[in-house]
Amino acid sequence: MRVLVLSGSSRTGSVNTRLASLVARLVTGAGAVADLATLGDFPMPPYDGDVEADEGPPKGALALRERIEAAQALVIASPEYNASVPGVVKNAVDWVSRVRPQPFKDKQSLLVSASPSMVGGNRGLWALRVPLEHLGARVYPDMFSLAMAHQAFGEDGALTDPGLGERLTATIGSFLDLVEADTRYLCLQRRWYEFLGDRTDAPVTARAQD
């Protein structure tokens, strides 16, 4: 199982990049393959329909789309700006969604955040759910927000609060269990839609056979 762990920040010393690194360690520790990246790895200009019509999607959007497509799951560690999703994160979603086939549909996704505030970036995660779910991503119900993040990490990169560390580990473990089940058991794709109230008669596509 391959999981793309994406930091929604390219800033040096970003607490969300530190959180993404910790998540990648936990993913690896759970037996999956973690593909760790930041938005700085995928430079993109602000979305512009005229630019898209003249030049097509930028190389950064194409590269990010390939990384998402190659993974069975996606974890985004997103900052919170002005109680919402950062413009650079939304811009990346907008650009990648223009590439066909767009990779967010049916992608199991987990949202986490870190912030120096007491809220921990949670409001930004709620805002980020909207475009991802609109594009068909299966956003995991539970989210993890780390408050007072500048004081939350030890020198080894782990969380200094044992309770928060246990909760993050449990969240990652439960998410990976769902991804594993969705990958291996063909019946879950149809049942997921029925659970959400969106019944579908579309055929279930082939998944992993091993």
N, C-alpha and C. Protein backbone atom coordinates (compact mmCIF):
# COMPACT_ATOMS: atom_id res chain seq x y z
N MET A 1 0.85 -1.19 0.00
CA MET A 1 0.00 0.00 0.00
C MET A 1 0.89 1.25 0.00
N ARG A 2 0.61 2.17 -0.89
CA ARG A 2 1.39 3.40 -1.00
C ARG A 2 0.53 4.58 -0.57
N VAL A 3 1.08 5.44 0.28
CA VAL A 3 0.36 6.59 0.80
C VAL A 3 1.16 7.85 0.50
N LEU A 4 0.57 8.78 -0.22
CA LEU A 4 1.19 10.08 -0.43
C LEU A 4 0.88 10.97 0.76
N VAL A 5 1.92 11.41 1.46
CA VAL A 5 1.78 12.31 2.60
C VAL A 5 2.27 13.67 2.14
N LEU A 6 1.35 14.61 2.00
CA LEU A 6 1.64 15.90 1.38
C LEU A 6 1.52 17.03 2.39
N SER A 7 2.60 17.78 2.59
CA SER A 7 2.53 18.99 3.40
C SER A 7 2.01 20.12 2.54
N GLY A 8 1.00 20.82 3.04
CA GLY A 8 0.44 21.95 2.30
C GLY A 8 1.23 23.22 2.47
N SER A 9 2.48 23.11 2.87
CA SER A 9 3.35 24.27 3.06
C SER A 9 4.71 23.97 2.48
N SER A 10 5.37 24.99 1.96
CA SER A 10 6.75 24.85 1.50
C SER A 10 7.69 25.72 2.33
N ARG A 11 7.17 26.30 3.40
CA ARG A 11 7.95 27.21 4.23
C ARG A 11 8.97 26.44 5.06
N THR A 12 10.17 27.00 5.17
CA THR A 12 11.20 26.39 5.99
C THR A 12 10.76 26.36 7.45
N GLY A 13 10.88 25.21 8.09
CA GLY A 13 10.49 25.09 9.48
C GLY A 13 9.00 24.96 9.71
N SER A 14 8.23 24.71 8.66
CA SER A 14 6.78 24.60 8.79
C SER A 14 6.38 23.49 9.76
N VAL A 15 5.47 23.81 10.67
CA VAL A 15 4.99 22.79 11.61
C VAL A 15 4.15 21.74 10.89
N ASN A 16 3.53 22.12 9.77
CA ASN A 16 2.77 21.13 9.02
C ASN A 16 3.68 20.17 8.27
N THR A 17 4.84 20.64 7.84
CA THR A 17 5.82 19.73 7.26
C THR A 17 6.37 18.79 8.32
N ARG A 18 6.56 19.29 9.53
CA ARG A 18 7.01 18.42 10.62
C ARG A 18 5.94 17.38 10.95
N LEU A 19 4.68 17.81 10.93
CA LEU A 19 3.59 16.85 11.18
C LEU A 19 3.52 15.83 10.06
N ALA A 20 3.68 16.28 8.81
CA ALA A 20 3.66 15.35 7.68
C ALA A 20 4.79 14.33 7.80
N SER A 21 5.96 14.78 8.24
CA SER A 21 7.09 13.85 8.42
C SER A 21 6.78 12.81 9.48
N LEU A 22 6.13 13.24 10.56
CA LEU A 22 5.74 12.30 11.61
C LEU A 22 4.71 11.31 11.09
N VAL A 23 3.73 11.80 10.35
CA VAL A 23 2.72 10.91 9.76
C VAL A 23 3.38 9.89 8.84
N ALA A 24 4.34 10.33 8.05
CA ALA A 24 5.04 9.41 7.15
C ALA A 24 5.75 8.31 7.93
N ARG A 25 6.35 8.67 9.07
CA ARG A 25 7.00 7.67 9.92
C ARG A 25 5.99 6.67 10.45
N LEU A 26 4.82 7.16 10.84
CA LEU A 26 3.79 6.27 11.37
C LEU A 26 3.24 5.36 10.28
N VAL A 27 3.09 5.90 9.08
CA VAL A 27 2.63 5.09 7.95
C VAL A 27 3.63 3.98 7.67
N THR A 28 4.91 4.32 7.66
CA THR A 28 5.95 3.32 7.44
C THR A 28 5.96 2.29 8.55
N GLY A 29 5.80 2.76 9.79
CA GLY A 29 5.78 1.84 10.92
C GLY A 29 4.61 0.88 10.89
N ALA A 30 3.53 1.29 10.21
CA ALA A 30 2.36 0.42 10.10
C ALA A 30 2.48 -0.57 8.94
N GLY A 31 3.58 -0.51 8.22
CA GLY A 31 3.81 -1.47 7.15
C GLY A 31 3.48 -1.00 5.75
N ALA A 32 3.09 0.27 5.60
CA ALA A 32 2.80 0.81 4.28
C ALA A 32 4.00 1.59 3.77
N VAL A 33 3.93 2.02 2.52
CA VAL A 33 4.99 2.82 1.91
C VAL A 33 4.56 4.27 1.92
N ALA A 34 5.36 5.13 2.55
CA ALA A 34 5.04 6.55 2.63
C ALA A 34 5.81 7.32 1.56
N ASP A 35 5.09 8.10 0.78
CA ASP A 35 5.69 8.99 -0.21
C ASP A 35 5.53 10.41 0.32
N LEU A 36 6.58 10.97 0.92
CA LEU A 36 6.51 12.27 1.58
C LEU A 36 6.86 13.38 0.60
N ALA A 37 6.04 14.43 0.57
CA ALA A 37 6.27 15.55 -0.34
C ALA A 37 5.72 16.83 0.28
N THR A 38 6.14 17.96 -0.26
CA THR A 38 5.57 19.25 0.11
C THR A 38 5.08 19.95 -1.15
N LEU A 39 4.25 20.95 -0.98
CA LEU A 39 3.77 21.68 -2.15
C LEU A 39 4.91 22.38 -2.88
N GLY A 40 6.01 22.64 -2.16
CA GLY A 40 7.16 23.23 -2.81
C GLY A 40 7.77 22.35 -3.88
N ASP A 41 7.47 21.06 -3.84
CA ASP A 41 7.96 20.13 -4.87
C ASP A 41 7.19 20.25 -6.17
N PHE A 42 6.07 20.98 -6.13
CA PHE A 42 5.17 21.06 -7.29
C PHE A 42 4.81 22.52 -7.57
N PRO A 43 5.74 23.32 -8.07
CA PRO A 43 5.44 24.74 -8.30
C PRO A 43 4.34 24.92 -9.34
N MET A 44 3.41 25.82 -9.01
CA MET A 44 2.29 26.12 -9.91
C MET A 44 1.96 27.60 -9.81
N PRO A 45 1.65 28.24 -10.93
CA PRO A 45 1.16 29.62 -10.87
C PRO A 45 -0.28 29.63 -10.39
N PRO A 46 -0.81 30.79 -10.03
CA PRO A 46 -2.24 30.87 -9.71
C PRO A 46 -3.07 30.36 -10.88
N TYR A 47 -4.15 29.63 -10.55
CA TYR A 47 -4.95 29.07 -11.63
C TYR A 47 -5.51 30.18 -12.51
N ASP A 48 -5.41 29.99 -13.81
CA ASP A 48 -5.91 30.95 -14.79
C ASP A 48 -6.43 30.16 -15.98
N GLY A 49 -7.71 30.31 -16.26
CA GLY A 49 -8.31 29.57 -17.36
C GLY A 49 -7.68 29.88 -18.70
N ASP A 50 -7.25 31.12 -18.91
CA ASP A 50 -6.61 31.48 -20.17
C ASP A 50 -5.26 30.78 -20.31
N VAL A 51 -4.51 30.73 -19.20
CA VAL A 51 -3.22 30.04 -19.22
C VAL A 51 -3.43 28.56 -19.52
N GLU A 52 -4.45 27.98 -18.90
CA GLU A 52 -4.74 26.57 -19.15
C GLU A 52 -5.09 26.33 -20.61
N ALA A 53 -5.90 27.22 -21.19
CA ALA A 53 -6.30 27.05 -22.58
C ALA A 53 -5.11 27.19 -23.53
N ASP A 54 -4.18 28.09 -23.20
CA ASP A 54 -3.05 28.35 -24.09
C ASP A 54 -1.90 27.36 -23.89
N GLU A 55 -1.65 26.99 -22.63
CA GLU A 55 -0.45 26.23 -22.32
C GLU A 55 -0.73 24.87 -21.69
N GLY A 56 -1.95 24.64 -21.24
CA GLY A 56 -2.26 23.42 -20.53
C GLY A 56 -1.83 23.51 -19.08
N PRO A 57 -2.07 22.47 -18.29
CA PRO A 57 -1.69 22.49 -16.88
C PRO A 57 -0.17 22.59 -16.73
N PRO A 58 0.31 23.26 -15.68
CA PRO A 58 1.75 23.37 -15.46
C PRO A 58 2.36 22.03 -15.08
N LYS A 59 3.69 21.94 -15.22
CA LYS A 59 4.38 20.68 -14.92
C LYS A 59 4.17 20.26 -13.46
N GLY A 60 4.09 21.25 -12.55
CA GLY A 60 3.88 20.91 -11.15
C GLY A 60 2.56 20.21 -10.92
N ALA A 61 1.51 20.66 -11.59
CA ALA A 61 0.20 20.03 -11.46
C ALA A 61 0.21 18.62 -12.04
N LEU A 62 0.88 18.44 -13.17
CA LEU A 62 0.96 17.12 -13.78
C LEU A 62 1.75 16.16 -12.89
N ALA A 63 2.83 16.67 -12.28
CA ALA A 63 3.63 15.82 -11.41
C ALA A 63 2.87 15.42 -10.15
N LEU A 64 2.14 16.38 -9.57
CA LEU A 64 1.36 16.08 -8.37
C LEU A 64 0.24 15.11 -8.71
N ARG A 65 -0.39 15.28 -9.84
CA ARG A 65 -1.44 14.36 -10.26
C ARG A 65 -0.90 12.93 -10.37
N GLU A 66 0.30 12.78 -10.91
CA GLU A 66 0.90 11.45 -11.04
C GLU A 66 1.19 10.83 -9.68
N ARG A 67 1.66 11.65 -8.73
CA ARG A 67 1.97 11.13 -7.40
C ARG A 67 0.69 10.71 -6.68
N ILE A 68 -0.38 11.48 -6.83
CA ILE A 68 -1.65 11.12 -6.21
C ILE A 68 -2.19 9.84 -6.84
N GLU A 69 -2.13 9.77 -8.15
CA GLU A 69 -2.65 8.61 -8.87
C GLU A 69 -1.89 7.34 -8.50
N ALA A 70 -0.60 7.46 -8.22
CA ALA A 70 0.23 6.30 -7.92
C ALA A 70 0.00 5.76 -6.51
N ALA A 71 -0.68 6.53 -5.67
CA ALA A 71 -0.90 6.14 -4.28
C ALA A 71 -2.31 5.60 -4.09
N GLN A 72 -2.44 4.68 -3.14
CA GLN A 72 -3.77 4.17 -2.78
C GLN A 72 -4.48 5.11 -1.81
N ALA A 73 -3.73 6.01 -1.19
CA ALA A 73 -4.33 6.93 -0.21
C ALA A 73 -3.53 8.22 -0.18
N LEU A 74 -4.19 9.25 0.34
CA LEU A 74 -3.60 10.59 0.40
C LEU A 74 -3.80 11.16 1.80
N VAL A 75 -2.72 11.67 2.39
CA VAL A 75 -2.80 12.41 3.65
C VAL A 75 -2.30 13.82 3.37
N ILE A 76 -3.09 14.82 3.73
CA ILE A 76 -2.69 16.22 3.56
C ILE A 76 -2.55 16.86 4.93
N ALA A 77 -1.38 17.44 5.19
CA ALA A 77 -1.15 18.24 6.39
C ALA A 77 -1.24 19.70 5.97
N SER A 78 -2.36 20.32 6.28
CA SER A 78 -2.63 21.66 5.74
C SER A 78 -2.61 22.73 6.82
N PRO A 79 -1.95 23.84 6.56
CA PRO A 79 -2.05 24.99 7.46
C PRO A 79 -3.46 25.57 7.43
N GLU A 80 -3.70 26.53 8.30
CA GLU A 80 -4.96 27.28 8.31
C GLU A 80 -4.63 28.75 8.18
N TYR A 81 -5.19 29.40 7.18
CA TYR A 81 -5.01 30.84 7.00
C TYR A 81 -6.37 31.52 7.12
N ASN A 82 -6.48 32.46 8.05
CA ASN A 82 -7.71 33.22 8.22
C ASN A 82 -8.93 32.31 8.33
N ALA A 83 -8.78 31.28 9.16
CA ALA A 83 -9.86 30.34 9.47
C ALA A 83 -10.33 29.56 8.25
N SER A 84 -9.45 29.37 7.27
CA SER A 84 -9.85 28.64 6.07
C SER A 84 -8.63 27.95 5.46
N VAL A 85 -8.84 27.36 4.29
CA VAL A 85 -7.78 26.64 3.60
C VAL A 85 -6.83 27.64 2.95
N PRO A 86 -5.51 27.42 3.01
CA PRO A 86 -4.57 28.34 2.36
C PRO A 86 -4.77 28.39 0.85
N GLY A 87 -4.52 29.56 0.29
CA GLY A 87 -4.69 29.72 -1.15
C GLY A 87 -3.82 28.78 -1.97
N VAL A 88 -2.60 28.50 -1.50
CA VAL A 88 -1.71 27.63 -2.28
C VAL A 88 -2.24 26.19 -2.32
N VAL A 89 -2.88 25.76 -1.23
CA VAL A 89 -3.44 24.41 -1.21
C VAL A 89 -4.65 24.34 -2.14
N LYS A 90 -5.54 25.31 -2.05
CA LYS A 90 -6.71 25.34 -2.93
C LYS A 90 -6.28 25.47 -4.38
N ASN A 91 -5.25 26.26 -4.64
CA ASN A 91 -4.75 26.42 -6.00
C ASN A 91 -4.24 25.10 -6.56
N ALA A 92 -3.55 24.33 -5.72
CA ALA A 92 -3.06 23.02 -6.17
C ALA A 92 -4.22 22.08 -6.49
N VAL A 93 -5.24 22.08 -5.63
CA VAL A 93 -6.42 21.26 -5.89
C VAL A 93 -7.08 21.68 -7.20
N ASP A 94 -7.21 22.99 -7.40
CA ASP A 94 -7.86 23.49 -8.62
C ASP A 94 -7.10 23.07 -9.87
N TRP A 95 -5.78 23.23 -9.86
CA TRP A 95 -5.00 22.86 -11.03
C TRP A 95 -5.06 21.35 -11.29
N VAL A 96 -4.84 20.56 -10.25
CA VAL A 96 -4.82 19.10 -10.43
C VAL A 96 -6.17 18.59 -10.90
N SER A 97 -7.24 19.23 -10.44
CA SER A 97 -8.59 18.78 -10.83
C SER A 97 -8.86 18.99 -12.31
N ARG A 98 -8.04 19.80 -12.98
CA ARG A 98 -8.24 20.06 -14.40
C ARG A 98 -7.58 19.00 -15.28
N VAL A 99 -6.74 18.16 -14.68
CA VAL A 99 -6.06 17.11 -15.44
C VAL A 99 -6.99 15.89 -15.52
N ARG A 100 -7.15 15.33 -16.70
CA ARG A 100 -8.04 14.18 -16.88
C ARG A 100 -7.25 12.90 -17.13
N PRO A 101 -7.64 11.81 -16.45
CA PRO A 101 -8.67 11.79 -15.42
C PRO A 101 -8.16 12.40 -14.12
N GLN A 102 -9.01 13.18 -13.44
CA GLN A 102 -8.57 13.82 -12.20
C GLN A 102 -8.44 12.74 -11.12
N PRO A 103 -7.42 12.84 -10.27
CA PRO A 103 -7.06 11.73 -9.39
C PRO A 103 -7.75 11.69 -8.04
N PHE A 104 -8.57 12.68 -7.74
CA PHE A 104 -9.17 12.71 -6.40
C PHE A 104 -10.37 11.77 -6.27
N LYS A 105 -11.02 11.45 -7.39
CA LYS A 105 -12.21 10.61 -7.33
C LYS A 105 -11.90 9.26 -6.70
N ASP A 106 -12.65 8.92 -5.66
CA ASP A 106 -12.54 7.66 -4.92
C ASP A 106 -11.24 7.52 -4.13
N LYS A 107 -10.44 8.58 -4.04
CA LYS A 107 -9.17 8.49 -3.32
C LYS A 107 -9.43 8.60 -1.81
N GLN A 108 -9.02 7.57 -1.09
CA GLN A 108 -9.12 7.61 0.37
C GLN A 108 -8.18 8.69 0.89
N SER A 109 -8.71 9.64 1.66
CA SER A 109 -7.94 10.81 2.07
C SER A 109 -8.13 11.11 3.54
N LEU A 110 -7.05 11.53 4.18
CA LEU A 110 -7.06 11.91 5.58
C LEU A 110 -6.49 13.31 5.70
N LEU A 111 -7.14 14.15 6.50
CA LEU A 111 -6.70 15.53 6.68
C LEU A 111 -6.17 15.74 8.09
N VAL A 112 -4.99 16.34 8.19
CA VAL A 112 -4.39 16.69 9.47
C VAL A 112 -3.88 18.12 9.38
N SER A 113 -3.67 18.74 10.53
CA SER A 113 -3.20 20.12 10.54
C SER A 113 -2.40 20.39 11.80
N ALA A 114 -1.57 21.42 11.72
CA ALA A 114 -0.81 21.89 12.88
C ALA A 114 -0.81 23.41 12.84
N SER A 115 -0.95 24.01 14.01
CA SER A 115 -1.03 25.47 14.08
C SER A 115 -0.54 25.94 15.44
N PRO A 116 0.06 27.13 15.52
CA PRO A 116 0.43 27.68 16.82
C PRO A 116 -0.77 28.12 17.64
N SER A 117 -1.95 28.16 17.02
CA SER A 117 -3.15 28.61 17.73
C SER A 117 -3.73 27.48 18.58
N MET A 118 -4.70 27.84 19.41
CA MET A 118 -5.38 26.84 20.24
C MET A 118 -6.34 25.99 19.43
N VAL A 119 -6.72 26.47 18.24
CA VAL A 119 -7.67 25.73 17.40
C VAL A 119 -6.96 24.60 16.65
N GLY A 120 -5.68 24.78 16.39
CA GLY A 120 -4.91 23.72 15.74
C GLY A 120 -5.11 23.59 14.25
N GLY A 121 -5.75 24.58 13.61
CA GLY A 121 -5.97 24.52 12.17
C GLY A 121 -7.21 23.76 11.77
N ASN A 122 -8.07 23.42 12.72
CA ASN A 122 -9.23 22.59 12.43
C ASN A 122 -10.21 23.25 11.47
N ARG A 123 -10.36 24.57 11.57
CA ARG A 123 -11.30 25.26 10.67
C ARG A 123 -10.84 25.16 9.22
N GLY A 124 -9.54 25.20 9.01
CA GLY A 124 -9.02 25.05 7.66
C GLY A 124 -9.30 23.67 7.08
N LEU A 125 -9.26 22.65 7.95
CA LEU A 125 -9.55 21.30 7.46
C LEU A 125 -11.00 21.15 7.03
N TRP A 126 -11.91 21.76 7.79
CA TRP A 126 -13.31 21.70 7.39
C TRP A 126 -13.51 22.37 6.04
N ALA A 127 -12.79 23.47 5.81
CA ALA A 127 -12.90 24.15 4.52
C ALA A 127 -12.30 23.31 3.39
N LEU A 128 -11.23 22.59 3.68
CA LEU A 128 -10.57 21.77 2.66
C LEU A 128 -11.41 20.55 2.29
N ARG A 129 -12.21 20.06 3.21
CA ARG A 129 -13.06 18.91 2.89
C ARG A 129 -14.00 19.21 1.72
N VAL A 130 -14.47 20.46 1.62
CA VAL A 130 -15.52 20.79 0.65
C VAL A 130 -15.06 20.51 -0.79
N PRO A 131 -13.96 21.10 -1.28
CA PRO A 131 -13.57 20.80 -2.66
C PRO A 131 -13.15 19.35 -2.87
N LEU A 132 -12.50 18.74 -1.87
CA LEU A 132 -12.08 17.36 -2.04
C LEU A 132 -13.28 16.42 -2.16
N GLU A 133 -14.27 16.60 -1.30
CA GLU A 133 -15.46 15.75 -1.38
C GLU A 133 -16.25 16.04 -2.65
N HIS A 134 -16.26 17.30 -3.08
CA HIS A 134 -16.93 17.64 -4.34
C HIS A 134 -16.29 16.90 -5.51
N LEU A 135 -14.97 16.70 -5.44
CA LEU A 135 -14.26 16.00 -6.51
C LEU A 135 -14.33 14.48 -6.37
N GLY A 136 -15.00 14.00 -5.33
CA GLY A 136 -15.21 12.56 -5.18
C GLY A 136 -14.25 11.87 -4.25
N ALA A 137 -13.38 12.62 -3.57
CA ALA A 137 -12.47 11.98 -2.61
C ALA A 137 -13.27 11.43 -1.43
N ARG A 138 -12.81 10.31 -0.90
CA ARG A 138 -13.44 9.71 0.27
C ARG A 138 -12.69 10.21 1.51
N VAL A 139 -13.08 11.38 1.98
CA VAL A 139 -12.35 12.01 3.08
C VAL A 139 -12.74 11.34 4.40
N TYR A 140 -11.74 10.84 5.10
CA TYR A 140 -11.95 10.11 6.35
C TYR A 140 -12.67 11.00 7.36
N PRO A 141 -13.68 10.47 8.05
CA PRO A 141 -14.46 11.32 8.96
C PRO A 141 -13.63 11.96 10.07
N ASP A 142 -12.70 11.20 10.64
CA ASP A 142 -11.88 11.75 11.72
C ASP A 142 -10.75 12.58 11.13
N MET A 143 -10.44 13.70 11.80
CA MET A 143 -9.32 14.55 11.40
C MET A 143 -8.46 14.78 12.64
N PHE A 144 -7.21 15.17 12.42
CA PHE A 144 -6.30 15.42 13.54
C PHE A 144 -5.77 16.84 13.43
N SER A 145 -5.97 17.62 14.48
CA SER A 145 -5.48 19.00 14.53
C SER A 145 -4.59 19.17 15.74
N LEU A 146 -3.40 19.69 15.52
CA LEU A 146 -2.40 19.85 16.57
C LEU A 146 -2.30 21.31 16.97
N ALA A 147 -2.79 21.65 18.15
CA ALA A 147 -2.73 23.02 18.66
C ALA A 147 -1.36 23.29 19.29
N MET A 148 -1.01 24.58 19.39
CA MET A 148 0.26 24.99 20.00
C MET A 148 1.41 24.17 19.40
N ALA A 149 1.40 24.07 18.09
CA ALA A 149 2.29 23.12 17.42
C ALA A 149 3.77 23.45 17.56
N HIS A 150 4.11 24.73 17.74
CA HIS A 150 5.52 25.09 17.86
C HIS A 150 6.14 24.50 19.13
N GLN A 151 5.30 24.13 20.08
CA GLN A 151 5.79 23.56 21.33
C GLN A 151 5.50 22.06 21.43
N ALA A 152 4.96 21.48 20.38
CA ALA A 152 4.42 20.12 20.48
C ALA A 152 5.39 19.02 20.08
N PHE A 153 6.50 19.37 19.40
CA PHE A 153 7.40 18.35 18.88
C PHE A 153 8.66 18.24 19.73
N GLY A 154 9.10 17.01 19.95
CA GLY A 154 10.37 16.78 20.61
C GLY A 154 11.51 16.80 19.60
N GLU A 155 12.73 16.67 20.09
CA GLU A 155 13.89 16.69 19.21
C GLU A 155 13.89 15.52 18.23
N ASP A 156 13.22 14.45 18.60
CA ASP A 156 13.15 13.28 17.71
C ASP A 156 12.02 13.36 16.69
N GLY A 157 11.28 14.47 16.71
CA GLY A 157 10.19 14.65 15.76
C GLY A 157 8.86 14.10 16.21
N ALA A 158 8.84 13.39 17.34
CA ALA A 158 7.59 12.84 17.87
C ALA A 158 6.88 13.92 18.69
N LEU A 159 5.62 13.67 19.01
CA LEU A 159 4.85 14.60 19.84
C LEU A 159 5.23 14.39 21.30
N THR A 160 5.39 15.49 22.02
CA THR A 160 5.80 15.40 23.42
C THR A 160 4.65 14.98 24.33
N ASP A 161 3.42 15.22 23.89
CA ASP A 161 2.24 14.82 24.68
C ASP A 161 1.91 13.37 24.33
N PRO A 162 2.04 12.44 25.28
CA PRO A 162 1.78 11.02 24.98
C PRO A 162 0.36 10.77 24.50
N GLY A 163 -0.61 11.48 25.08
CA GLY A 163 -1.99 11.28 24.67
C GLY A 163 -2.23 11.67 23.22
N LEU A 164 -1.65 12.81 22.81
CA LEU A 164 -1.80 13.24 21.42
C LEU A 164 -1.08 12.27 20.48
N GLY A 165 0.09 11.80 20.91
CA GLY A 165 0.81 10.83 20.09
C GLY A 165 0.02 9.56 19.89
N GLU A 166 -0.62 9.08 20.95
CA GLU A 166 -1.44 7.87 20.85
C GLU A 166 -2.64 8.10 19.94
N ARG A 167 -3.23 9.28 20.05
CA ARG A 167 -4.40 9.56 19.22
C ARG A 167 -4.02 9.64 17.74
N LEU A 168 -2.89 10.30 17.43
CA LEU A 168 -2.46 10.36 16.04
C LEU A 168 -2.14 8.97 15.51
N THR A 169 -1.45 8.18 16.30
CA THR A 169 -1.11 6.81 15.88
C THR A 169 -2.37 5.99 15.62
N ALA A 170 -3.36 6.13 16.51
CA ALA A 170 -4.62 5.40 16.34
C ALA A 170 -5.37 5.87 15.10
N THR A 171 -5.36 7.18 14.85
CA THR A 171 -6.04 7.71 13.68
C THR A 171 -5.41 7.18 12.40
N ILE A 172 -4.08 7.22 12.34
CA ILE A 172 -3.38 6.69 11.16
C ILE A 172 -3.67 5.20 10.98
N GLY A 173 -3.63 4.45 12.08
CA GLY A 173 -3.88 3.02 12.00
C GLY A 173 -5.27 2.69 11.50
N SER A 174 -6.27 3.39 12.02
CA SER A 174 -7.65 3.14 11.58
C SER A 174 -7.85 3.52 10.12
N PHE A 175 -7.24 4.63 9.72
CA PHE A 175 -7.33 5.07 8.33
C PHE A 175 -6.71 4.03 7.40
N LEU A 176 -5.53 3.55 7.75
CA LEU A 176 -4.87 2.55 6.91
C LEU A 176 -5.64 1.25 6.85
N ASP A 177 -6.31 0.88 7.93
CA ASP A 177 -7.16 -0.31 7.91
C ASP A 177 -8.27 -0.15 6.88
N LEU A 178 -8.87 1.04 6.84
CA LEU A 178 -9.93 1.29 5.87
C LEU A 178 -9.39 1.24 4.45
N VAL A 179 -8.23 1.86 4.23
CA VAL A 179 -7.63 1.84 2.90
C VAL A 179 -7.33 0.41 2.46
N GLU A 180 -6.79 -0.38 3.38
CA GLU A 180 -6.49 -1.79 3.07
C GLU A 180 -7.75 -2.55 2.69
N ALA A 181 -8.82 -2.34 3.45
CA ALA A 181 -10.07 -3.02 3.15
C ALA A 181 -10.64 -2.57 1.81
N ASP A 182 -10.56 -1.27 1.54
CA ASP A 182 -11.09 -0.73 0.29
C ASP A 182 -10.28 -1.23 -0.90
N THR A 183 -9.00 -1.46 -0.70
CA THR A 183 -8.13 -1.93 -1.78
C THR A 183 -8.36 -3.40 -2.08
N ARG A 184 -8.58 -4.19 -1.04
CA ARG A 184 -8.62 -5.65 -1.20
C ARG A 184 -10.01 -6.23 -1.41
N TYR A 185 -11.02 -5.58 -0.87
CA TYR A 185 -12.36 -6.18 -0.91
C TYR A 185 -13.24 -5.42 -1.88
N LEU A 186 -13.54 -6.06 -3.00
CA LEU A 186 -14.21 -5.39 -4.10
C LEU A 186 -15.60 -4.90 -3.75
N CYS A 187 -16.26 -5.54 -2.79
CA CYS A 187 -17.64 -5.18 -2.47
C CYS A 187 -17.75 -3.83 -1.79
N LEU A 188 -16.65 -3.32 -1.23
CA LEU A 188 -16.75 -2.10 -0.42
C LEU A 188 -17.02 -0.86 -1.25
N GLN A 189 -16.61 -0.83 -2.51
CA GLN A 189 -16.81 0.37 -3.30
C GLN A 189 -18.30 0.68 -3.43
N ARG A 190 -19.10 -0.34 -3.76
CA ARG A 190 -20.53 -0.11 -3.88
C ARG A 190 -21.15 0.21 -2.52
N ARG A 191 -20.75 -0.51 -1.49
CA ARG A 191 -21.32 -0.30 -0.16
C ARG A 191 -21.01 1.09 0.37
N TRP A 192 -19.83 1.63 0.03
CA TRP A 192 -19.47 2.98 0.49
C TRP A 192 -20.48 3.98 -0.03
N TYR A 193 -20.80 3.92 -1.31
CA TYR A 193 -21.75 4.86 -1.88
C TYR A 193 -23.13 4.70 -1.26
N GLU A 194 -23.54 3.45 -1.03
CA GLU A 194 -24.85 3.22 -0.45
C GLU A 194 -24.91 3.76 0.98
N PHE A 195 -23.79 3.63 1.72
CA PHE A 195 -23.73 4.17 3.08
C PHE A 195 -23.91 5.69 3.06
N LEU A 196 -23.34 6.33 2.05
CA LEU A 196 -23.44 7.78 1.95
C LEU A 196 -24.78 8.23 1.37
N GLY A 197 -25.61 7.28 0.96
CA GLY A 197 -26.90 7.63 0.42
C GLY A 197 -26.89 7.89 -1.07
N ASP A 198 -25.78 7.65 -1.73
CA ASP A 198 -25.66 7.87 -3.17
C ASP A 198 -25.55 6.51 -3.85
N ARG A 199 -26.67 5.84 -4.03
CA ARG A 199 -26.67 4.50 -4.60
C ARG A 199 -26.23 4.57 -6.06
N THR A 200 -25.50 3.56 -6.44
CA THR A 200 -25.00 3.55 -7.81
C THR A 200 -25.14 2.15 -8.40
N ASP A 201 -25.48 2.10 -9.66
CA ASP A 201 -25.54 0.84 -10.38
C ASP A 201 -24.32 0.63 -11.25
N ALA A 202 -23.35 1.54 -11.12
CA ALA A 202 -22.14 1.41 -11.93
C ALA A 202 -21.38 0.16 -11.51
N PRO A 203 -20.77 -0.52 -12.47
CA PRO A 203 -20.01 -1.74 -12.13
C PRO A 203 -18.83 -1.42 -11.23
N VAL A 204 -18.52 -2.35 -10.35
CA VAL A 204 -17.37 -2.20 -9.47
C VAL A 204 -16.11 -2.47 -10.28
N THR A 205 -15.18 -1.55 -10.26
CA THR A 205 -13.96 -1.73 -11.03
C THR A 205 -13.02 -2.69 -10.33
N ALA A 206 -12.14 -3.28 -11.08
CA ALA A 206 -11.19 -4.25 -10.52
C ALA A 206 -10.23 -3.55 -9.59
N ARG A 207 -9.95 -4.17 -8.47
CA ARG A 207 -8.96 -3.66 -7.51
C ARG A 207 -7.85 -4.68 -7.37
N ALA A 208 -7.05 -4.53 -6.36
CA ALA A 208 -5.93 -5.46 -6.14
C ALA A 208 -6.46 -6.88 -5.99
N GLN A 209 -5.80 -7.80 -6.62
CA GLN A 209 -6.24 -9.19 -6.61
C GLN A 209 -5.42 -10.06 -5.66
N ASP A 210 -4.33 -9.53 -5.14
CA ASP A 210 -3.49 -10.35 -4.27
C ASP A 210 -3.94 -10.27 -2.82
